[in-house]
PDB file of N, CA and C in Angstrom:
ATOM      1  N   MET A   1      61.938-120.377  39.185  1.00  0.00           N
ATOM      2  CA  MET A   1      61.949-119.884  37.812  1.00  0.00           C
ATOM      3  C   MET A   1      62.441-120.985  36.881  1.00  0.00           C
ATOM      4  N   LEU A   2      61.964-120.932  35.684  1.00  0.00           N
ATOM      5  CA  LEU A   2      62.277-121.910  34.660  1.00  0.00           C
ATOM      6  C   LEU A   2      63.577-121.516  33.950  1.00  0.00           C
ATOM      7  N   GLY A   3      64.545-122.451  33.856  1.00  0.00           N
ATOM      8  CA  GLY A   3      65.790-122.174  33.155  1.00  0.00           C
ATOM      9  C   GLY A   3      65.579-122.123  31.655  1.00  0.00           C
ATOM     10  N   LEU A   4      66.332-121.284  30.961  1.00  0.00           N
ATOM     11  CA  LEU A   4      66.149-121.132  29.514  1.00  0.00           C
ATOM     12  C   LEU A   4      66.420-122.416  28.744  1.00  0.00           C
ATOM     13  N   GLU A   5      67.305-123.278  29.270  1.00  0.00           N
ATOM     14  CA  GLU A   5      67.598-124.519  28.562  1.00  0.00           C
ATOM     15  C   GLU A   5      66.449-125.513  28.651  1.00  0.00           C
ATOM     16  N   ASN A   6      65.490-125.284  29.564  1.00  0.00           N
ATOM     17  CA  ASN A   6      64.347-126.180  29.732  1.00  0.00           C
ATOM     18  C   ASN A   6      63.071-125.657  29.085  1.00  0.00           C
ATOM     19  N   VAL A   7      63.110-124.475  28.495  1.00  0.00           N
ATOM     20  CA  VAL A   7      61.903-123.882  27.922  1.00  0.00           C
ATOM     21  C   VAL A   7      61.495-124.598  26.646  1.00  0.00           C
ATOM     22  N   LEU A   8      62.411-124.724  25.686  1.00  0.00           N
ATOM     23  CA  LEU A   8      62.103-125.363  24.406  1.00  0.00           C
ATOM     24  C   LEU A   8      62.289-126.868  24.540  1.00  0.00           C
ATOM     25  N   VAL A   9      61.225-127.632  24.295  1.00  0.00           N
ATOM     26  CA  VAL A   9      61.298-129.085  24.375  1.00  0.00           C
ATOM     27  C   VAL A   9      61.784-129.658  23.053  1.00  0.00           C
ATOM     28  N   LYS A  10      61.107-129.286  21.937  1.00  0.00           N
ATOM     29  CA  LYS A  10      61.502-129.754  20.615  1.00  0.00           C
ATOM     30  C   LYS A  10      60.809-128.901  19.565  1.00  0.00           C
ATOM     31  N   PRO A  11      61.378-128.858  18.351  1.00  0.00           N
ATOM     32  CA  PRO A  11      60.684-128.166  17.267  1.00  0.00           C
ATOM     33  C   PRO A  11      59.518-129.017  16.777  1.00  0.00           C
ATOM     34  N   LEU A  12      58.474-128.373  16.319  1.00  0.00           N
ATOM     35  CA  LEU A  12      57.299-129.064  15.814  1.00  0.00           C
ATOM     36  C   LEU A  12      57.358-129.028  14.293  1.00  0.00           C
ATOM     37  N   LEU A  13      57.657-130.168  13.679  1.00  0.00           N
ATOM     38  CA  LEU A  13      57.846-130.244  12.237  1.00  0.00           C
ATOM     39  C   LEU A  13      56.703-131.044  11.615  1.00  0.00           C
ATOM     40  N   THR A  14      55.712-130.322  11.089  1.00  0.00           N
ATOM     41  CA  THR A  14      54.583-130.934  10.406  1.00  0.00           C
ATOM     42  C   THR A  14      54.382-130.222   9.075  1.00  0.00           C
ATOM     43  N   GLU A  15      53.450-130.712   8.272  1.00  0.00           N
ATOM     44  CA  GLU A  15      53.175-130.048   7.000  1.00  0.00           C
ATOM     45  C   GLU A  15      52.624-128.644   7.226  1.00  0.00           C
ATOM     46  N   LYS A  16      51.753-128.509   8.202  1.00  0.00           N
ATOM     47  CA  LYS A  16      51.148-127.207   8.482  1.00  0.00           C
ATOM     48  C   LYS A  16      52.207-126.192   8.914  1.00  0.00           C
ATOM     49  N   THR A  17      53.113-126.596   9.798  1.00  0.00           N
ATOM     50  CA  THR A  17      54.141-125.662  10.252  1.00  0.00           C
ATOM     51  C   THR A  17      55.150-125.367   9.145  1.00  0.00           C
ATOM     52  N   SER A  18      55.386-126.326   8.249  1.00  0.00           N
ATOM     53  CA  SER A  18      56.283-126.074   7.117  1.00  0.00           C
ATOM     54  C   SER A  18      55.701-125.025   6.183  1.00  0.00           C
ATOM     55  N   LYS A  19      54.396-125.081   5.958  1.00  0.00           N
ATOM     56  CA  LYS A  19      53.748-124.078   5.112  1.00  0.00           C
ATOM     57  C   LYS A  19      53.787-122.701   5.759  1.00  0.00           C
ATOM     58  N   GLU A  20      53.588-122.642   7.075  1.00  0.00           N
ATOM     59  CA  GLU A  20      53.654-121.361   7.783  1.00  0.00           C
ATOM     60  C   GLU A  20      55.064-120.792   7.768  1.00  0.00           C
ATOM     61  N   THR A  21      56.062-121.671   7.834  1.00  0.00           N
ATOM     62  CA  THR A  21      57.449-121.213   7.785  1.00  0.00           C
ATOM     63  C   THR A  21      57.746-120.573   6.436  1.00  0.00           C
ATOM     64  N   GLU A  22      57.288-121.202   5.362  1.00  0.00           N
ATOM     65  CA  GLU A  22      57.535-120.650   4.021  1.00  0.00           C
ATOM     66  C   GLU A  22      56.756-119.363   3.781  1.00  0.00           C
ATOM     67  N   ALA A  23      55.512-119.309   4.227  1.00  0.00           N
ATOM     68  CA  ALA A  23      54.663-118.160   3.930  1.00  0.00           C
ATOM     69  C   ALA A  23      54.907-116.975   4.866  1.00  0.00           C
ATOM     70  N   TYR A  24      55.056-117.225   6.171  1.00  0.00           N
ATOM     71  CA  TYR A  24      55.089-116.135   7.152  1.00  0.00           C
ATOM     72  C   TYR A  24      56.359-116.064   7.977  1.00  0.00           C
ATOM     73  N   ASN A  25      57.338-116.925   7.717  1.00  0.00           N
ATOM     74  CA  ASN A  25      58.578-116.984   8.493  1.00  0.00           C
ATOM     75  C   ASN A  25      58.261-117.252   9.969  1.00  0.00           C
ATOM     76  N   ARG A  26      57.342-118.216  10.202  1.00  0.00           N
ATOM     77  CA  ARG A  26      56.866-118.559  11.538  1.00  0.00           C
ATOM     78  C   ARG A  26      57.236-120.012  11.846  1.00  0.00           C
ATOM     79  N   TYR A  27      57.840-120.241  12.998  1.00  0.00           N
ATOM     80  CA  TYR A  27      58.293-121.569  13.406  1.00  0.00           C
ATOM     81  C   TYR A  27      57.500-122.023  14.627  1.00  0.00           C
ATOM     82  N   ALA A  28      57.323-123.343  14.757  1.00  0.00           N
ATOM     83  CA  ALA A  28      56.548-123.894  15.865  1.00  0.00           C
ATOM     84  C   ALA A  28      57.447-124.750  16.752  1.00  0.00           C
ATOM     85  N   PHE A  29      57.206-124.661  18.048  1.00  0.00           N
ATOM     86  CA  PHE A  29      57.959-125.439  19.032  1.00  0.00           C
ATOM     87  C   PHE A  29      56.999-126.016  20.064  1.00  0.00           C
ATOM     88  N   VAL A  30      57.339-127.185  20.585  1.00  0.00           N
ATOM     89  CA  VAL A  30      56.682-127.690  21.781  1.00  0.00           C
ATOM     90  C   VAL A  30      57.498-127.133  22.936  1.00  0.00           C
ATOM     91  N   VAL A  31      56.816-126.471  23.871  1.00  0.00           N
ATOM     92  CA  VAL A  31      57.512-125.808  24.970  1.00  0.00           C
ATOM     93  C   VAL A  31      57.003-126.345  26.306  1.00  0.00           C
ATOM     94  N   ASP A  32      57.716-126.016  27.364  1.00  0.00           N
ATOM     95  CA  ASP A  32      57.316-126.401  28.711  1.00  0.00           C
ATOM     96  C   ASP A  32      55.994-125.732  29.053  1.00  0.00           C
ATOM     97  N   ILE A  33      55.145-126.440  29.760  1.00  0.00           N
ATOM     98  CA  ILE A  33      53.800-125.947  30.073  1.00  0.00           C
ATOM     99  C   ILE A  33      53.843-124.690  30.949  1.00  0.00           C
ATOM    100  N   LYS A  34      54.914-124.496  31.713  1.00  0.00           N
ATOM    101  CA  LYS A  34      55.022-123.335  32.600  1.00  0.00           C
ATOM    102  C   LYS A  34      55.673-122.124  31.934  1.00  0.00           C
ATOM    103  N   ALA A  35      56.173-122.272  30.706  1.00  0.00           N
ATOM    104  CA  ALA A  35      56.876-121.180  30.029  1.00  0.00           C
ATOM    105  C   ALA A  35      55.886-120.122  29.547  1.00  0.00           C
ATOM    106  N   ASN A  36      56.262-118.853  29.722  1.00  0.00           N
ATOM    107  CA  ASN A  36      55.431-117.782  29.191  1.00  0.00           C
ATOM    108  C   ASN A  36      56.077-117.220  27.924  1.00  0.00           C
ATOM    109  N   LYS A  37      55.435-116.224  27.303  1.00  0.00           N
ATOM    110  CA  LYS A  37      55.914-115.697  26.027  1.00  0.00           C
ATOM    111  C   LYS A  37      57.299-115.056  26.144  1.00  0.00           C
ATOM    112  N   ASN A  38      57.571-114.406  27.252  1.00  0.00           N
ATOM    113  CA  ASN A  38      58.880-113.781  27.431  1.00  0.00           C
ATOM    114  C   ASN A  38      59.978-114.839  27.531  1.00  0.00           C
ATOM    115  N   HIS A  39      59.725-115.930  28.266  1.00  0.00           N
ATOM    116  CA  HIS A  39      60.704-117.026  28.355  1.00  0.00           C
ATOM    117  C   HIS A  39      60.982-117.611  26.973  1.00  0.00           C
ATOM    118  N   ILE A  40      59.928-117.846  26.192  1.00  0.00           N
ATOM    119  CA  ILE A  40      60.070-118.457  24.870  1.00  0.00           C
ATOM    120  C   ILE A  40      60.855-117.545  23.941  1.00  0.00           C
ATOM    121  N   LYS A  41      60.525-116.255  23.943  1.00  0.00           N
ATOM    122  CA  LYS A  41      61.224-115.291  23.085  1.00  0.00           C
ATOM    123  C   LYS A  41      62.716-115.236  23.430  1.00  0.00           C
ATOM    124  N   THR A  42      63.033-115.161  24.706  1.00  0.00           N
ATOM    125  CA  THR A  42      64.428-115.093  25.140  1.00  0.00           C
ATOM    126  C   THR A  42      65.188-116.365  24.771  1.00  0.00           C
ATOM    127  N   ALA A  43      64.555-117.522  24.946  1.00  0.00           N
ATOM    128  CA  ALA A  43      65.217-118.795  24.647  1.00  0.00           C
ATOM    129  C   ALA A  43      65.503-118.939  23.153  1.00  0.00           C
ATOM    130  N   VAL A  44      64.539-118.583  22.312  1.00  0.00           N
ATOM    131  CA  VAL A  44      64.744-118.697  20.854  1.00  0.00           C
ATOM    132  C   VAL A  44      65.830-117.726  20.405  1.00  0.00           C
ATOM    133  N   GLU A  45      65.802-116.501  20.900  1.00  0.00           N
ATOM    134  CA  GLU A  45      66.819-115.518  20.511  1.00  0.00           C
ATOM    135  C   GLU A  45      68.204-115.951  20.964  1.00  0.00           C
ATOM    136  N   LYS A  46      68.306-116.576  22.131  1.00  0.00           N
ATOM    137  CA  LYS A  46      69.611-116.997  22.650  1.00  0.00           C
ATOM    138  C   LYS A  46      70.158-118.209  21.897  1.00  0.00           C
ATOM    139  N   PHE A  47      69.337-119.233  21.716  1.00  0.00           N
ATOM    140  CA  PHE A  47      69.823-120.490  21.144  1.00  0.00           C
ATOM    141  C   PHE A  47      70.007-120.443  19.629  1.00  0.00           C
ATOM    142  N   PHE A  48      69.178-119.667  18.920  1.00  0.00           N
ATOM    143  CA  PHE A  48      69.246-119.656  17.456  1.00  0.00           C
ATOM    144  C   PHE A  48      69.804-118.361  16.893  1.00  0.00           C
ATOM    145  N   ASP A  49      70.118-117.390  17.736  1.00  0.00           N
ATOM    146  CA  ASP A  49      70.716-116.111  17.334  1.00  0.00           C
ATOM    147  C   ASP A  49      69.885-115.423  16.245  1.00  0.00           C
ATOM    148  N   VAL A  50      68.597-115.236  16.523  1.00  0.00           N
ATOM    149  CA  VAL A  50      67.680-114.568  15.606  1.00  0.00           C
ATOM    150  C   VAL A  50      66.897-113.511  16.384  1.00  0.00           C
ATOM    151  N   LYS A  51      66.176-112.659  15.656  1.00  0.00           N
ATOM    152  CA  LYS A  51      65.341-111.627  16.274  1.00  0.00           C
ATOM    153  C   LYS A  51      63.881-112.039  16.142  1.00  0.00           C
ATOM    154  N   VAL A  52      63.191-112.165  17.278  1.00  0.00           N
ATOM    155  CA  VAL A  52      61.802-112.606  17.315  1.00  0.00           C
ATOM    156  C   VAL A  52      60.868-111.399  17.287  1.00  0.00           C
ATOM    157  N   LEU A  53      59.878-111.435  16.371  1.00  0.00           N
ATOM    158  CA  LEU A  53      58.885-110.364  16.310  1.00  0.00           C
ATOM    159  C   LEU A  53      57.717-110.636  17.248  1.00  0.00           C
ATOM    160  N   SER A  54      57.173-111.856  17.197  1.00  0.00           N
ATOM    161  CA  SER A  54      56.022-112.157  18.030  1.00  0.00           C
ATOM    162  C   SER A  54      56.006-113.628  18.420  1.00  0.00           C
ATOM    163  N   VAL A  55      55.299-113.919  19.503  1.00  0.00           N
ATOM    164  CA  VAL A  55      55.142-115.285  19.999  1.00  0.00           C
ATOM    165  C   VAL A  55      53.661-115.504  20.283  1.00  0.00           C
ATOM    166  N   ARG A  56      53.120-116.595  19.740  1.00  0.00           N
ATOM    167  CA  ARG A  56      51.744-116.992  20.043  1.00  0.00           C
ATOM    168  C   ARG A  56      51.793-118.372  20.669  1.00  0.00           C
ATOM    169  N   THR A  57      51.004-118.590  21.692  1.00  0.00           N
ATOM    170  CA  THR A  57      51.022-119.880  22.380  1.00  0.00           C
ATOM    171  C   THR A  57      49.627-120.479  22.415  1.00  0.00           C
ATOM    172  N   SER A  58      49.585-121.809  22.545  1.00  0.00           N
ATOM    173  CA  SER A  58      48.319-122.505  22.737  1.00  0.00           C
ATOM    174  C   SER A  58      48.575-123.715  23.620  1.00  0.00           C
ATOM    175  N   VAL A  59      47.651-123.942  24.554  1.00  0.00           N
ATOM    176  CA  VAL A  59      47.746-125.080  25.449  1.00  0.00           C
ATOM    177  C   VAL A  59      46.802-126.160  24.938  1.00  0.00           C
ATOM    178  N   LEU A  60      47.344-127.359  24.721  1.00  0.00           N
ATOM    179  CA  LEU A  60      46.550-128.483  24.252  1.00  0.00           C
ATOM    180  C   LEU A  60      46.144-129.329  25.444  1.00  0.00           C
ATOM    181  N   PRO A  61      44.851-129.552  25.663  1.00  0.00           N
ATOM    182  CA  PRO A  61      44.429-130.351  26.817  1.00  0.00           C
ATOM    183  C   PRO A  61      44.800-131.814  26.622  1.00  0.00           C
ATOM    184  N   GLY A  62      44.944-132.534  27.723  1.00  0.00           N
ATOM    185  CA  GLY A  62      45.245-133.955  27.655  1.00  0.00           C
ATOM    186  C   GLY A  62      44.063-134.739  27.114  1.00  0.00           C
ATOM    187  N   LYS A  63      44.349-135.875  26.486  1.00  0.00           N
ATOM    188  CA  LYS A  63      43.301-136.709  25.920  1.00  0.00           C
ATOM    189  C   LYS A  63      42.969-137.843  26.878  1.00  0.00           C
ATOM    190  N   THR A  64      41.728-138.283  26.850  1.00  0.00           N
ATOM    191  CA  THR A  64      41.304-139.430  27.642  1.00  0.00           C
ATOM    192  C   THR A  64      41.482-140.685  26.791  1.00  0.00           C
ATOM    193  N   LYS A  65      42.210-141.664  27.303  1.00  0.00           N
ATOM    194  CA  LYS A  65      42.499-142.901  26.576  1.00  0.00           C
ATOM    195  C   LYS A  65      42.007-144.094  27.387  1.00  0.00           C
ATOM    196  N   ARG A  66      41.648-145.156  26.688  1.00  0.00           N
ATOM    197  CA  ARG A  66      41.250-146.384  27.367  1.00  0.00           C
ATOM    198  C   ARG A  66      42.481-147.146  27.792  1.00  0.00           C
ATOM    199  N   ALA A  67      42.417-147.714  28.989  1.00  0.00           N
ATOM    200  CA  ALA A  67      43.503-148.536  29.506  1.00  0.00           C
ATOM    201  C   ALA A  67      42.866-149.716  30.237  1.00  0.00           C
ATOM    202  N   GLY A  68      42.675-150.807  29.530  1.00  0.00           N
ATOM    203  CA  GLY A  68      42.000-151.950  30.133  1.00  0.00           C
ATOM    204  C   GLY A  68      40.542-151.629  30.375  1.00  0.00           C
ATOM    205  N   LYS A  69      40.093-151.784  31.605  1.00  0.00           N
ATOM    206  CA  LYS A  69      38.700-151.492  31.944  1.00  0.00           C
ATOM    207  C   LYS A  69      38.472-150.026  32.277  1.00  0.00           C
ATOM    208  N   GLY A  70      39.517-149.311  32.553  1.00  0.00           N
ATOM    209  CA  GLY A  70      39.375-147.920  32.971  1.00  0.00           C
ATOM    210  C   GLY A  70      39.836-146.941  31.918  1.00  0.00           C
ATOM    211  N   PHE A  71      39.945-145.713  32.347  1.00  0.00           N
ATOM    212  CA  PHE A  71      40.399-144.630  31.476  1.00  0.00           C
ATOM    213  C   PHE A  71      41.560-143.906  32.139  1.00  0.00           C
ATOM    214  N   LYS A  72      42.471-143.409  31.318  1.00  0.00           N
ATOM    215  CA  LYS A  72      43.580-142.593  31.806  1.00  0.00           C
ATOM    216  C   LYS A  72      43.631-141.322  30.971  1.00  0.00           C
ATOM    217  N   LYS A  73      44.199-140.304  31.541  1.00  0.00           N
ATOM    218  CA  LYS A  73      44.308-139.037  30.831  1.00  0.00           C
ATOM    219  C   LYS A  73      45.778-138.732  30.564  1.00  0.00           C
ATOM    220  N   THR A  74      46.087-138.339  29.336  1.00  0.00           N
ATOM    221  CA  THR A  74      47.452-137.976  28.992  1.00  0.00           C
ATOM    222  C   THR A  74      47.726-136.550  29.477  1.00  0.00           C
ATOM    223  N   ALA A  75      48.980-136.214  29.567  1.00  0.00           N
ATOM    224  CA  ALA A  75      49.373-134.892  30.056  1.00  0.00           C
ATOM    225  C   ALA A  75      49.065-133.823  29.013  1.00  0.00           C
ATOM    226  N   LYS A  76      48.766-132.612  29.494  1.00  0.00           N
ATOM    227  CA  LYS A  76      48.555-131.511  28.557  1.00  0.00           C
ATOM    228  C   LYS A  76      49.905-130.989  28.078  1.00  0.00           C
ATOM    229  N   SER A  77      49.898-130.313  26.937  1.00  0.00           N
ATOM    230  CA  SER A  77      51.141-129.792  26.372  1.00  0.00           C
ATOM    231  C   SER A  77      50.897-128.373  25.861  1.00  0.00           C
ATOM    232  N   LYS A  78      51.988-127.711  25.506  1.00  0.00           N
ATOM    233  CA  LYS A  78      51.914-126.320  25.065  1.00  0.00           C
ATOM    234  C   LYS A  78      52.724-126.154  23.792  1.00  0.00           C
ATOM    235  N   LYS A  79      52.138-125.444  22.811  1.00  0.00           N
ATOM    236  CA  LYS A  79      52.825-125.131  21.564  1.00  0.00           C
ATOM    237  C   LYS A  79      53.065-123.630  21.502  1.00  0.00           C
ATOM    238  N   ALA A  80      54.151-123.259  20.842  1.00  0.00           N
ATOM    239  CA  ALA A  80      54.446-121.846  20.641  1.00  0.00           C
ATOM    240  C   ALA A  80      54.776-121.617  19.175  1.00  0.00           C
ATOM    241  N   TYR A  81      54.160-120.596  18.594  1.00  0.00           N
ATOM    242  CA  TYR A  81      54.461-120.182  17.225  1.00  0.00           C
ATOM    243  C   TYR A  81      55.268-118.895  17.307  1.00  0.00           C
ATOM    244  N   VAL A  82      56.485-118.939  16.770  1.00  0.00           N
ATOM    245  CA  VAL A  82      57.432-117.830  16.880  1.00  0.00           C
ATOM    246  C   VAL A  82      57.649-117.244  15.499  1.00  0.00           C
ATOM    247  N   GLN A  83      57.369-115.943  15.336  1.00  0.00           N
ATOM    248  CA  GLN A  83      57.586-115.279  14.056  1.00  0.00           C
ATOM    249  C   GLN A  83      58.882-114.486  14.116  1.00  0.00           C
ATOM    250  N   LEU A  84      59.726-114.684  13.090  1.00  0.00           N
ATOM    251  CA  LEU A  84      61.023-114.020  13.024  1.00  0.00           C
ATOM    252  C   LEU A  84      60.967-112.830  12.080  1.00  0.00           C
ATOM    253  N   GLN A  85      61.969-111.969  12.181  1.00  0.00           N
ATOM    254  CA  GLN A  85      62.089-110.848  11.261  1.00  0.00           C
ATOM    255  C   GLN A  85      62.371-111.371   9.857  1.00  0.00           C
ATOM    256  N   ASP A  86      62.035-110.560   8.850  1.00  0.00           N
ATOM    257  CA  ASP A  86      62.297-110.948   7.459  1.00  0.00           C
ATOM    258  C   ASP A  86      63.793-111.114   7.233  1.00  0.00           C
ATOM    259  N   GLY A  87      64.149-112.139   6.479  1.00  0.00           N
ATOM    260  CA  GLY A  87      65.549-112.392   6.165  1.00  0.00           C
ATOM    261  C   GLY A  87      66.243-113.315   7.144  1.00  0.00           C
ATOM    262  N   GLN A  88      65.619-113.651   8.258  1.00  0.00           N
ATOM    263  CA  GLN A  88      66.227-114.549   9.230  1.00  0.00           C
ATOM    264  C   GLN A  88      65.527-115.895   9.175  1.00  0.00           C
ATOM    265  N   LYS A  89      66.271-116.950   9.477  1.00  0.00           N
ATOM    266  CA  LYS A  89      65.664-118.275   9.495  1.00  0.00           C
ATOM    267  C   LYS A  89      66.407-119.175  10.473  1.00  0.00           C
ATOM    268  N   ILE A  90      65.755-120.257  10.838  1.00  0.00           N
ATOM    269  CA  ILE A  90      66.326-121.247  11.746  1.00  0.00           C
ATOM    270  C   ILE A  90      66.568-122.521  10.946  1.00  0.00           C
ATOM    271  N   GLU A  91      67.764-123.052  11.045  1.00  0.00           N
ATOM    272  CA  GLU A  91      68.097-124.312  10.360  1.00  0.00           C
ATOM    273  C   GLU A  91      68.098-125.433  11.393  1.00  0.00           C
ATOM    274  N   PHE A  92      67.105-126.309  11.305  1.00  0.00           N
ATOM    275  CA  PHE A  92      67.049-127.436  12.233  1.00  0.00           C
ATOM    276  C   PHE A  92      67.982-128.563  11.792  1.00  0.00           C
ATOM    277  N   PHE A  93      68.089-128.761  10.470  1.00  0.00           N
ATOM    278  CA  PHE A  93      68.936-129.821   9.924  1.00  0.00           C
ATOM    279  C   PHE A  93      69.994-129.183   9.050  1.00  0.00           C
ATOM    280  N   LYS A  94      71.184-129.023   9.584  1.00  0.00           N
ATOM    281  CA  LYS A  94      72.267-128.417   8.814  1.00  0.00           C
ATOM    282  C   LYS A  94      72.951-129.461   7.971  1.00  0.00           C
ATOM    283  N   GLY A  95      73.254-129.125   6.735  1.00  0.00           N
ATOM    284  CA  GLY A  95      73.969-130.019   5.844  1.00  0.00           C
ATOM    285  C   GLY A  95      73.077-130.963   5.059  1.00  0.00           C
ATOM    286  N   ILE A  96      71.749-130.748   5.129  1.00  0.00           N
ATOM    287  CA  ILE A  96      70.844-131.618   4.359  1.00  0.00           C
ATOM    288  C   ILE A  96      70.286-130.847   3.199  1.00  0.00           C
TER     289      ILE A  96
END
């Protein structure tokens, strides 16, 4: 089983996710490829002390890159979009 401290890899901070955070109170994270929605929900609720309404996930396939004469494939990754209840928020950068 996957430990809760290993589920969330890092927050995904882009312009698109910033707009979703403002409009829908939805946050994005890069998560472990083996994590399921229940693991992600439990980890976010535990670490950030918030109430999660829904979790959506997407698996990004690895890309093929050139390496000299041959090709290599990068590892696949997984993103999770977590929607919180109204009035709750996650502060990634405190004091800024």
